[in-house]
Amino acid sequence: MTVIHEINTLVWLGELGRRLGRRVTLGEVPGEVWDEVARPGVDTVWLMGVWERSPAGLRIALRDENLLRSFREALPDLTEADIAGSPYCVRDYVVDPFLGGPGGLAEARAQLAARGLRLILDHVPNHVAPDHPWLAAHPERLIRGTADDLARDPGGYLAAEGHVFARGRDPYFPPWPDVVQLNAFSEELREATVDTLVSVGDQADGVRCDMAMLMMNDVFAKTWGERAGPVPAEDFWPYVVPRVRARHPGLLLVAEAYWDLEWALQQQGFDHCYDKRLYDRLVHEDAGPVRAHLGADLAYQRGLVRFLENHDEPRAATALPGERGRAAAVTVATLPGATLWHEGQFEGRRTRLPVFLRRAPSEPADASLRDFYARLLPAAAGARRGEWRPLTPTGRPDNDTHTRLLAWTWTDPDARHLVVVNHCDRPSRARIPLPWDGMRGHAYRLTDLLTAQSYDREGDELTDPGLFVALEPWHAHLFEVSPCSSPRPGTPG
């Protein structure tokens, strides 16, 4: 199953350069550094922000006091040189020369492939930079306005290349000041999007499509109305995706998606869509809503991306501090679907860095957390094989703490694994009947891959009434279950 590690390319290369005492491009990353990137349990690397950033967008950012305030909050010793512009204000889909250009990216991809890792890159379907070549050469691909629009709403429109264009936006927030809106209903834009994605597919093994739901016909019509023109009979992604896959059949397509549109985007061709609903429930709700979410159709769940942070969300170390974060990490790491880890998450970084910046503040690594993830990732990769099945913990009528536990199994012909998570700030106890046939009359050893502790149990007990588990707040087990010769005492906890 897909396990993605997101790396902020510009910041990562800057930190690597300071570590090595010289400037480093993608083509000059030492082999031992790629070895560090290729950590056990990760199979895909997302190099975020490799395309040419917009000088015009940077000038807009440098005049935006709200943006500058957020930059200073993240980086108190900020200088103007630290501001690179947004990687989602794309000037052109060509690798930035500062990062090593197309040749540097090709070398990075080869280094990752040699270590068994795929590479994914960004695509921003909704908008482009105000100095993107299409404004002059292909204005029909964008949403245009009038001189009256510009005079009435200068925050929503801008003048460029002899035209008035709408600034990029979604239907719920004010326009983004540094980007120009593409027209999802334009046949020319759809054809150009296919060409762009084919080009990205020539350079990578997958694409992460930013705010993919904004291009869906119903969402786009709600946002832009008559300005977009007639609604096409075919939706945007069902037009684009098959034409891209005709050139790159194995291209991994990942959608950033919100508003419960994940299933619709899966049906429109995406392999995986962000599971923001699970993230919100892990951060804000108790075990009941999480369990309900995990009761969804398995085919749908396999098409989700589980995460605890990314460049748009607060750092997990602040949103899910301490043991709570570790419990949530066990949850997302062992569910069906793809998993997304964010650069710095393993070390417990706490500063959410605006993507405009090329430098992050120095933060001490949490050695204990780093060791935890070093155990979790390979253990989860080994466990997530075969059939996934959610379980229902049981308990006594006078003790409802079993309702706070989450549990599931993975069953493969060669391995059996059990995951139990206490998604609660109080101790919890339960019996968990295991679903495997043929256990009666045999003894089994349960080895916790997170702690190396093991417990021996009779198969009759594991079947009915079930494994007895007592877990402290925000603790978890990831058990490998294997036959053993004879049981010995001990209570998982």
Protein backbone atom coordinates (compact mmCIF):
# COMPACT_ATOMS: atom_id res chain seq x y z
CA MET A 1 0.00 0.00 0.00
CA THR A 2 1.13 3.51 -0.78
CA VAL A 3 3.06 5.33 1.95
CA ILE A 4 4.01 8.89 0.97
CA HIS A 5 6.65 11.11 2.58
CA GLU A 6 6.11 14.78 1.73
CA ILE A 7 9.32 16.83 1.51
CA ASN A 8 9.40 20.63 1.16
CA THR A 9 12.04 20.56 -1.56
CA LEU A 10 13.34 24.11 -1.28
CA VAL A 11 13.62 24.04 2.52
CA TRP A 12 15.09 20.52 2.54
CA LEU A 13 17.82 21.39 0.05
CA GLY A 14 18.62 24.56 2.00
CA GLU A 15 19.02 22.62 5.24
CA LEU A 16 21.09 20.01 3.46
CA GLY A 17 23.30 22.70 1.99
CA ARG A 18 23.95 24.22 5.40
CA ARG A 19 24.74 20.77 6.74
CA LEU A 20 27.23 20.10 3.93
CA GLY A 21 28.63 23.63 3.74
CA ARG A 22 27.70 24.16 0.09
CA ARG A 23 24.67 24.79 -2.10
CA VAL A 24 22.97 21.57 -3.16
CA THR A 25 20.57 20.95 -6.06
CA LEU A 26 18.43 17.89 -6.65
CA GLY A 27 21.09 16.44 -8.91
CA GLU A 28 23.79 16.84 -6.25
CA VAL A 29 22.15 15.18 -3.23
CA PRO A 30 24.64 12.62 -1.87
CA GLY A 31 23.69 8.95 -2.00
CA GLU A 32 23.75 8.61 1.75
CA VAL A 33 21.11 11.35 2.01
CA TRP A 34 18.85 9.51 -0.43
CA ASP A 35 19.42 6.46 1.80
CA GLU A 36 18.03 8.50 4.70
CA VAL A 37 14.99 9.50 2.62
CA ALA A 38 14.37 5.85 1.70
CA ARG A 39 13.42 4.92 5.24
CA PRO A 40 11.82 1.50 5.82
CA GLY A 41 8.06 1.65 5.43
CA VAL A 42 8.01 4.50 2.86
CA ASP A 43 7.55 3.71 -0.84
CA THR A 44 6.74 7.13 -2.36
CA VAL A 45 8.35 10.56 -2.01
CA TRP A 46 6.45 13.76 -2.76
CA LEU A 47 8.92 16.49 -3.66
CA MET A 48 6.64 19.43 -2.96
CA GLY A 49 7.30 22.68 -4.77
CA VAL A 50 9.74 21.91 -7.61
CA TRP A 51 8.15 24.05 -10.36
CA GLU A 52 9.17 27.59 -11.30
CA ARG A 53 7.70 30.06 -8.82
CA SER A 54 6.34 33.35 -9.99
CA PRO A 55 8.30 36.61 -9.60
CA ALA A 56 5.00 38.49 -9.99
CA GLY A 57 3.44 36.37 -7.25
CA LEU A 58 6.43 37.01 -5.02
CA ARG A 59 6.03 40.79 -5.44
CA ILE A 60 2.38 40.48 -4.42
CA ALA A 61 3.33 38.42 -1.37
CA LEU A 62 5.91 40.97 -0.28
CA ARG A 63 3.16 43.63 -0.14
CA ASP A 64 0.67 41.49 1.77
CA GLU A 65 0.82 42.41 5.46
CA ASN A 66 -1.22 39.40 6.55
CA LEU A 67 1.16 37.05 4.78
CA LEU A 68 4.21 38.85 6.13
CA ARG A 69 2.80 38.60 9.65
CA SER A 70 2.39 34.82 9.27
CA PHE A 71 5.95 34.57 7.95
CA ARG A 72 7.34 36.39 10.99
CA GLU A 73 5.32 34.22 13.37
CA ALA A 74 6.88 31.11 11.87
CA LEU A 75 10.37 32.57 11.42
CA PRO A 76 11.07 35.36 13.93
CA ASP A 77 14.41 36.30 12.31
CA LEU A 78 12.79 36.54 8.87
CA THR A 79 14.58 38.43 6.11
CA GLU A 80 13.27 39.22 2.64
CA ALA A 81 15.70 36.65 1.23
CA ASP A 82 13.78 33.94 3.11
CA ILE A 83 10.63 34.58 1.06
CA ALA A 84 10.62 32.58 -2.17
CA GLY A 85 6.99 32.93 -3.24
CA SER A 86 4.32 30.24 -3.25
CA PRO A 87 4.97 26.86 -4.91
CA TYR A 88 1.25 26.92 -5.76
CA CYS A 89 1.69 30.15 -7.73
CA VAL A 90 3.25 28.34 -10.69
CA ARG A 91 5.01 30.39 -13.37
CA ASP A 92 5.60 27.31 -15.52
CA TYR A 93 5.68 23.54 -15.12
CA VAL A 94 9.44 23.41 -15.50
CA VAL A 95 11.70 22.49 -12.59
CA ASP A 96 13.14 25.64 -11.05
CA PRO A 97 16.78 26.11 -12.14
CA PHE A 98 17.68 26.95 -8.53
CA LEU A 99 16.63 23.41 -7.59
CA GLY A 100 18.61 21.83 -10.41
CA GLY A 101 16.26 22.10 -13.37
CA PRO A 102 14.87 19.10 -15.28
CA GLY A 103 18.22 17.33 -15.18
CA GLY A 104 18.41 17.58 -11.41
CA LEU A 105 14.90 16.20 -11.05
CA ALA A 106 15.69 13.31 -13.39
CA GLU A 107 18.71 12.41 -11.24
CA ALA A 108 16.61 12.60 -8.07
CA ARG A 109 14.00 10.33 -9.61
CA ALA A 110 16.70 7.84 -10.64
CA GLN A 111 18.15 7.87 -7.12
CA LEU A 112 14.73 7.21 -5.62
CA ALA A 113 13.95 4.47 -8.13
CA ALA A 114 17.25 2.75 -7.34
CA ARG A 115 16.01 2.50 -3.75
CA GLY A 116 12.55 1.23 -4.72
CA LEU A 117 10.75 4.56 -4.22
CA ARG A 118 8.31 6.34 -6.51
CA LEU A 119 8.29 10.10 -7.04
CA ILE A 120 5.17 12.28 -7.07
CA LEU A 121 4.97 15.98 -7.95
CA ASP A 122 2.37 18.75 -7.71
CA HIS A 123 -0.17 19.95 -10.22
CA VAL A 124 -2.36 23.01 -9.57
CA PRO A 125 -5.42 22.65 -11.83
CA ASN A 126 -7.42 25.62 -10.53
CA HIS A 127 -5.09 28.57 -11.07
CA VAL A 128 -1.78 29.87 -12.42
CA ALA A 129 0.55 32.75 -11.65
CA PRO A 130 -0.21 36.25 -12.99
CA ASP A 131 2.89 36.01 -15.20
CA HIS A 132 2.14 32.53 -16.55
CA PRO A 133 2.53 32.43 -20.37
CA TRP A 134 -1.14 31.52 -20.87
CA LEU A 135 -2.33 35.00 -19.89
CA ALA A 136 -0.79 36.40 -23.06
CA ALA A 137 -0.97 33.40 -25.37
CA HIS A 138 -4.19 31.65 -24.30
CA PRO A 139 -6.55 33.99 -22.42
CA GLU A 140 -9.45 31.72 -23.41
CA ARG A 141 -8.20 29.23 -20.81
CA LEU A 142 -8.92 31.65 -17.95
CA ILE A 143 -11.91 33.33 -16.33
CA ARG A 144 -12.06 36.88 -17.62
CA GLY A 145 -13.78 39.98 -16.37
CA THR A 146 -14.41 43.53 -17.51
CA ALA A 147 -13.04 46.96 -16.71
CA ASP A 148 -16.15 47.48 -14.57
CA ASP A 149 -15.36 44.29 -12.62
CA LEU A 150 -11.85 45.53 -11.96
CA ALA A 151 -13.05 48.96 -10.83
CA ARG A 152 -15.76 47.47 -8.61
CA ASP A 153 -13.70 44.62 -7.14
CA PRO A 154 -9.93 45.12 -7.45
CA GLY A 155 -9.39 42.33 -4.91
CA GLY A 156 -11.18 39.88 -7.17
CA TYR A 157 -9.77 40.90 -10.54
CA LEU A 158 -6.51 42.09 -12.07
CA ALA A 159 -5.38 43.58 -15.37
CA ALA A 160 -2.65 41.79 -17.33
CA GLU A 161 -1.64 41.36 -20.95
CA GLY A 162 -4.41 43.64 -22.18
CA HIS A 163 -7.17 41.68 -20.43
CA VAL A 164 -8.98 41.63 -17.11
CA PHE A 165 -8.75 38.26 -15.34
CA ALA A 166 -10.40 36.89 -12.23
CA ARG A 167 -8.14 36.01 -9.31
CA GLY A 168 -8.22 32.39 -8.22
CA ARG A 169 -10.62 31.38 -5.45
CA ASP A 170 -12.83 28.69 -4.00
CA PRO A 171 -16.53 29.29 -3.31
CA TYR A 172 -16.17 29.87 0.43
CA PHE A 173 -13.27 32.31 0.84
CA PRO A 174 -12.02 35.58 -0.62
CA PRO A 175 -9.85 35.40 -3.75
CA TRP A 176 -6.16 34.51 -3.45
CA PRO A 177 -4.26 37.68 -4.38
CA ASP A 178 -1.31 36.07 -6.19
CA VAL A 179 -3.02 33.72 -8.69
CA VAL A 180 -5.33 33.88 -11.72
CA GLN A 181 -8.35 31.63 -12.19
CA LEU A 182 -8.41 28.96 -14.88
CA ASN A 183 -11.71 28.07 -16.54
CA ALA A 184 -12.64 24.43 -15.94
CA PHE A 185 -15.38 24.68 -18.58
CA SER A 186 -12.96 25.74 -21.32
CA GLU A 187 -12.24 23.00 -23.87
CA GLU A 188 -8.86 24.59 -24.50
CA LEU A 189 -8.01 24.49 -20.79
CA ARG A 190 -9.02 20.83 -20.54
CA GLU A 191 -6.77 19.91 -23.47
CA ALA A 192 -3.92 21.93 -21.98
CA THR A 193 -4.39 20.23 -18.60
CA VAL A 194 -4.02 16.85 -20.27
CA ASP A 195 -0.79 18.03 -21.90
CA THR A 196 0.51 19.41 -18.61
CA LEU A 197 -0.24 16.23 -16.68
CA VAL A 198 1.32 14.08 -19.40
CA SER A 199 4.43 16.25 -19.11
CA VAL A 200 4.46 15.83 -15.32
CA GLY A 201 3.99 12.10 -15.85
CA ASP A 202 7.06 12.08 -18.09
CA GLN A 203 9.07 13.30 -15.08
CA ALA A 204 7.46 11.45 -12.16
CA ASP A 205 5.51 8.38 -11.11
CA GLY A 206 2.55 10.23 -9.68
CA VAL A 207 0.82 13.59 -9.31
CA ARG A 208 -0.78 15.27 -6.31
CA CYS A 209 -3.53 17.54 -7.66
CA ASP A 210 -4.07 20.61 -5.52
CA MET A 211 -7.71 21.35 -4.50
CA ALA A 212 -8.93 18.90 -7.14
CA MET A 213 -12.61 19.26 -6.22
CA LEU A 214 -12.65 22.91 -7.37
CA MET A 215 -12.65 21.74 -11.01
CA MET A 216 -15.74 19.51 -10.71
CA ASN A 217 -18.60 20.83 -12.82
CA ASP A 218 -21.05 21.44 -9.98
CA VAL A 219 -18.45 23.08 -7.72
CA PHE A 220 -17.10 25.24 -10.53
CA ALA A 221 -20.57 26.35 -11.60
CA LYS A 222 -21.37 27.29 -8.01
CA THR A 223 -18.17 29.35 -7.81
CA TRP A 224 -18.25 31.13 -11.15
CA GLY A 225 -21.77 30.91 -12.59
CA GLU A 226 -22.26 32.45 -16.00
CA ARG A 227 -18.71 33.80 -16.17
CA ALA A 228 -17.48 30.27 -16.86
CA GLY A 229 -19.83 29.78 -19.82
CA PRO A 230 -22.03 26.75 -20.51
CA VAL A 231 -21.54 23.71 -18.28
CA PRO A 232 -19.96 20.93 -20.38
CA ALA A 233 -21.78 17.64 -20.64
CA GLU A 234 -18.70 15.82 -19.34
CA ASP A 235 -17.13 16.60 -15.98
CA PHE A 236 -13.56 17.93 -15.84
CA TRP A 237 -11.68 14.94 -14.43
CA PRO A 238 -13.52 12.25 -16.44
CA TYR A 239 -12.38 14.22 -19.50
CA VAL A 240 -8.78 14.66 -18.32
CA VAL A 241 -7.88 11.44 -16.50
CA PRO A 242 -8.50 8.85 -19.26
CA ARG A 243 -6.49 10.91 -21.73
CA VAL A 244 -3.58 11.15 -19.31
CA ARG A 245 -3.74 7.45 -18.47
CA ALA A 246 -3.63 6.61 -22.16
CA ARG A 247 -0.06 7.95 -22.07
CA HIS A 248 0.83 6.98 -18.49
CA PRO A 249 -1.32 3.98 -17.45
CA GLY A 250 0.45 3.52 -14.12
CA LEU A 251 0.52 7.17 -13.06
CA LEU A 252 -0.54 7.52 -9.40
CA LEU A 253 -3.17 10.27 -9.09
CA VAL A 254 -3.74 11.78 -5.65
CA ALA A 255 -6.38 14.44 -5.04
CA GLU A 256 -6.35 17.02 -2.32
CA ALA A 257 -10.08 16.93 -1.60
CA TYR A 258 -12.51 18.35 0.94
CA TRP A 259 -16.26 18.80 1.50
CA ASP A 260 -16.91 15.03 1.48
CA LEU A 261 -16.24 14.82 -2.26
CA GLU A 262 -13.66 12.05 -1.93
CA TRP A 263 -15.91 9.29 -3.22
CA ALA A 264 -16.99 11.35 -6.24
CA LEU A 265 -13.36 12.07 -7.14
CA GLN A 266 -12.45 8.42 -6.75
CA GLN A 267 -15.21 7.62 -9.24
CA GLN A 268 -13.78 10.27 -11.57
CA GLY A 269 -10.42 8.55 -11.76
CA PHE A 270 -8.28 9.39 -8.74
CA ASP A 271 -6.43 6.59 -6.98
CA HIS A 272 -6.44 8.33 -3.60
CA CYS A 273 -8.12 11.38 -2.04
CA TYR A 274 -7.33 13.18 1.20
CA ASP A 275 -9.24 11.80 4.21
CA LYS A 276 -9.80 15.11 5.97
CA ARG A 277 -12.83 13.68 7.77
CA LEU A 278 -10.70 11.12 9.63
CA TYR A 279 -8.11 13.80 10.47
CA ASP A 280 -10.78 16.03 12.01
CA ARG A 281 -12.25 13.18 14.02
CA LEU A 282 -8.87 12.07 15.36
CA VAL A 283 -8.07 15.62 16.43
CA HIS A 284 -11.46 16.72 17.77
CA GLU A 285 -13.70 13.72 18.49
CA ASP A 286 -13.84 10.52 20.52
CA ALA A 287 -13.66 6.90 19.39
CA GLY A 288 -17.31 6.62 18.34
CA PRO A 289 -17.16 8.92 15.29
CA VAL A 290 -13.78 7.48 14.31
CA ARG A 291 -15.21 3.96 14.43
CA ALA A 292 -18.24 5.06 12.40
CA HIS A 293 -15.95 6.55 9.76
CA LEU A 294 -14.04 3.28 9.53
CA GLY A 295 -17.29 1.44 8.89
CA ALA A 296 -17.43 2.87 5.37
CA ASP A 297 -17.18 0.66 2.28
CA LEU A 298 -13.73 -0.92 2.01
CA ALA A 299 -13.28 0.07 -1.64
CA TYR A 300 -13.82 3.70 -0.61
CA GLN A 301 -11.35 3.40 2.27
CA ARG A 302 -8.67 1.94 0.02
CA GLY A 303 -8.93 5.13 -2.03
CA LEU A 304 -8.25 7.50 0.89
CA VAL A 305 -5.06 9.20 2.10
CA ARG A 306 -4.74 9.08 5.89
CA PHE A 307 -2.62 11.80 7.52
CA LEU A 308 -1.96 13.68 10.76
CA GLU A 309 -0.31 16.67 9.16
CA ASN A 310 0.77 18.12 5.82
CA HIS A 311 1.89 21.57 4.75
CA ASP A 312 -1.67 22.93 5.13
CA GLU A 313 -2.40 21.56 8.61
CA PRO A 314 -0.92 22.39 12.02
CA ARG A 315 2.00 20.25 13.07
CA ALA A 316 0.90 16.99 14.70
CA ALA A 317 3.19 17.71 17.65
CA THR A 318 0.95 20.70 18.49
CA ALA A 319 -2.46 19.43 17.33
CA LEU A 320 -1.94 15.95 18.82
CA PRO A 321 0.70 16.31 21.53
CA GLY A 322 2.42 13.51 23.40
CA GLU A 323 0.92 10.04 23.60
CA ARG A 324 -2.23 11.17 21.80
CA GLY A 325 -0.18 11.82 18.68
CA ARG A 326 1.42 8.39 18.88
CA ALA A 327 -1.95 6.68 19.22
CA ALA A 328 -3.25 8.59 16.20
CA ALA A 329 -0.10 7.68 14.26
CA VAL A 330 -0.69 3.98 14.92
CA THR A 331 -4.25 4.46 13.69
CA VAL A 332 -3.44 6.13 10.38
CA ALA A 333 -0.42 3.89 9.75
CA THR A 334 -2.39 0.65 10.00
CA LEU A 335 -5.60 1.45 8.12
CA PRO A 336 -6.37 0.54 4.51
CA GLY A 337 -5.60 3.20 1.92
CA ALA A 338 -2.56 5.39 1.48
CA THR A 339 -0.65 7.04 4.33
CA LEU A 340 0.92 10.49 4.16
CA TRP A 341 3.76 11.56 6.45
CA HIS A 342 5.11 15.10 6.45
CA GLU A 343 8.75 16.16 6.61
CA GLY A 344 9.65 16.95 10.23
CA GLN A 345 6.72 14.96 11.65
CA PHE A 346 8.99 12.12 12.72
CA GLU A 347 11.20 14.53 14.66
CA GLY A 348 8.32 16.37 16.33
CA ARG A 349 8.71 19.74 14.62
CA ARG A 350 6.14 22.18 15.95
CA THR A 351 6.29 25.14 13.55
CA ARG A 352 3.88 25.06 10.64
CA LEU A 353 5.96 26.73 7.95
CA PRO A 354 4.21 28.86 5.31
CA VAL A 355 5.00 27.36 1.90
CA PHE A 356 6.27 30.77 0.73
CA LEU A 357 9.43 30.43 2.84
CA ARG A 358 12.71 28.85 1.88
CA ARG A 359 14.01 28.49 5.46
CA ALA A 360 12.53 26.89 8.56
CA PRO A 361 13.42 27.72 12.14
CA SER A 362 15.84 25.43 13.91
CA GLU A 363 14.03 23.02 16.22
CA PRO A 364 15.49 20.26 18.39
CA ALA A 365 14.50 16.75 17.37
CA ASP A 366 12.41 14.65 19.74
CA ALA A 367 14.62 11.56 19.89
CA SER A 368 11.96 9.44 21.57
CA LEU A 369 9.37 10.31 18.91
CA ARG A 370 11.88 9.64 16.14
CA ASP A 371 12.55 6.19 17.61
CA PHE A 372 8.81 5.53 17.83
CA TYR A 373 8.30 6.27 14.13
CA ALA A 374 11.38 4.20 13.26
CA ARG A 375 9.55 1.23 14.80
CA LEU A 376 6.06 2.09 13.58
CA LEU A 377 6.66 2.57 9.86
CA PRO A 378 8.26 -0.81 9.08
CA ALA A 379 5.91 -2.58 11.48
CA ALA A 380 2.87 -1.06 9.78
CA ALA A 381 4.26 -1.90 6.33
CA GLY A 382 4.62 -5.52 7.39
CA ALA A 383 1.16 -5.64 8.94
CA ARG A 384 -0.87 -4.05 6.13
CA ARG A 385 -1.12 -7.15 3.98
CA GLY A 386 -4.09 -9.20 2.92
CA GLU A 387 -7.60 -8.59 4.28
CA TRP A 388 -8.44 -5.74 6.67
CA ARG A 389 -11.32 -6.24 9.09
CA PRO A 390 -12.63 -3.88 11.79
CA LEU A 391 -13.42 -5.46 15.16
CA THR A 392 -15.88 -4.55 17.93
CA PRO A 393 -14.38 -4.61 21.45
CA THR A 394 -16.74 -5.88 24.16
CA GLY A 395 -16.94 -5.16 27.88
CA ARG A 396 -18.91 -5.62 31.09
CA PRO A 397 -22.22 -3.78 31.59
CA ASP A 398 -20.71 -1.81 34.50
CA ASN A 399 -17.63 -0.69 32.53
CA ASP A 400 -18.07 1.09 29.19
CA THR A 401 -14.39 1.82 28.59
CA HIS A 402 -14.38 -0.76 25.79
CA THR A 403 -16.24 1.81 23.66
CA ARG A 404 -13.11 3.97 23.65
CA LEU A 405 -11.00 1.34 21.93
CA LEU A 406 -10.46 1.00 18.19
CA ALA A 407 -9.46 -2.41 16.85
CA TRP A 408 -8.90 -4.21 13.54
CA THR A 409 -7.01 -7.11 12.03
CA TRP A 410 -4.95 -7.73 8.92
CA THR A 411 -4.99 -11.29 7.62
CA ASP A 412 -2.53 -12.64 5.07
CA PRO A 413 -1.85 -16.30 4.25
CA ASP A 414 1.55 -15.92 5.90
CA ALA A 415 0.79 -13.48 8.74
CA ARG A 416 -1.87 -12.26 11.15
CA HIS A 417 -1.84 -8.86 12.84
CA LEU A 418 -4.08 -7.19 15.41
CA VAL A 419 -4.19 -3.44 16.11
CA VAL A 420 -5.79 -1.98 19.25
CA VAL A 421 -5.77 1.76 20.01
CA ASN A 422 -7.08 3.50 23.12
CA HIS A 423 -8.44 6.72 21.61
CA CYS A 424 -9.12 8.23 25.02
CA ASP A 425 -7.48 10.14 27.89
CA ARG A 426 -8.47 7.46 30.45
CA PRO A 427 -7.50 3.80 30.93
CA SER A 428 -9.67 1.40 28.94
CA ARG A 429 -10.33 -2.34 29.11
CA ALA A 430 -12.03 -4.73 26.74
CA ARG A 431 -12.31 -8.21 25.39
CA ILE A 432 -11.58 -8.47 21.67
CA PRO A 433 -12.80 -11.69 20.04
CA LEU A 434 -10.41 -12.55 17.21
CA PRO A 435 -12.04 -13.52 13.91
CA TRP A 436 -9.67 -16.21 12.70
CA ASP A 437 -10.93 -19.77 12.22
CA GLY A 438 -9.11 -22.78 13.60
CA MET A 439 -7.64 -21.14 16.70
CA ARG A 440 -9.31 -23.41 19.25
CA GLY A 441 -7.05 -26.08 20.69
CA HIS A 442 -3.86 -24.17 19.84
CA ALA A 443 -1.65 -21.66 21.62
CA TYR A 444 -0.61 -18.31 20.16
CA ARG A 445 2.02 -15.71 20.84
CA LEU A 446 1.10 -12.04 20.47
CA THR A 447 4.22 -9.94 19.90
CA ASP A 448 3.80 -6.18 20.10
CA LEU A 449 5.92 -4.81 17.25
CA LEU A 450 6.04 -1.39 18.91
CA THR A 451 7.55 -2.61 22.20
CA ALA A 452 8.85 -6.13 21.46
CA GLN A 453 6.81 -7.44 24.43
CA SER A 454 5.03 -10.76 23.86
CA TYR A 455 2.11 -12.59 25.47
CA ASP A 456 1.07 -16.23 25.05
CA ARG A 457 -2.61 -17.15 24.94
CA GLU A 458 -4.82 -20.15 24.26
CA GLY A 459 -6.78 -20.01 21.06
CA ASP A 460 -10.02 -20.91 22.86
CA GLU A 461 -9.79 -17.73 24.93
CA LEU A 462 -8.84 -15.58 21.91
CA THR A 463 -11.92 -16.81 20.09
CA ASP A 464 -14.38 -16.49 22.98
CA PRO A 465 -14.56 -14.36 25.11
CA GLY A 466 -11.62 -12.76 23.27
CA LEU A 467 -8.24 -11.26 24.07
CA PHE A 468 -8.33 -9.22 27.27
CA VAL A 469 -6.68 -5.83 26.76
CA ALA A 470 -6.04 -3.09 29.32
CA LEU A 471 -4.57 0.06 27.79
CA GLU A 472 -3.41 3.29 29.40
CA PRO A 473 -4.60 6.61 27.92
CA TRP A 474 -3.59 7.05 24.28
CA HIS A 475 -1.67 3.77 24.17
CA ALA A 476 -1.80 1.16 21.42
CA HIS A 477 -0.79 -2.36 20.45
CA LEU A 478 0.34 -3.59 17.05
CA PHE A 479 0.44 -7.36 17.54
CA GLU A 480 1.85 -10.01 15.29
CA VAL A 481 -0.10 -13.19 16.11
CA SER A 482 1.70 -16.49 15.54
CA PRO A 483 1.39 -20.09 16.80
CA CYS A 484 3.46 -21.11 19.81
CA SER A 485 4.01 -24.34 21.72
CA SER A 486 2.56 -23.39 25.10
CA PRO A 487 1.06 -20.31 26.73
CA ARG A 488 2.55 -18.22 29.51
CA PRO A 489 0.78 -15.59 31.64
CA GLY A 490 0.62 -11.82 31.14
CA THR A 491 -1.97 -9.18 30.27
CA PRO A 492 -1.56 -6.90 27.28
CA GLY A 493 -1.64 -3.33 28.51
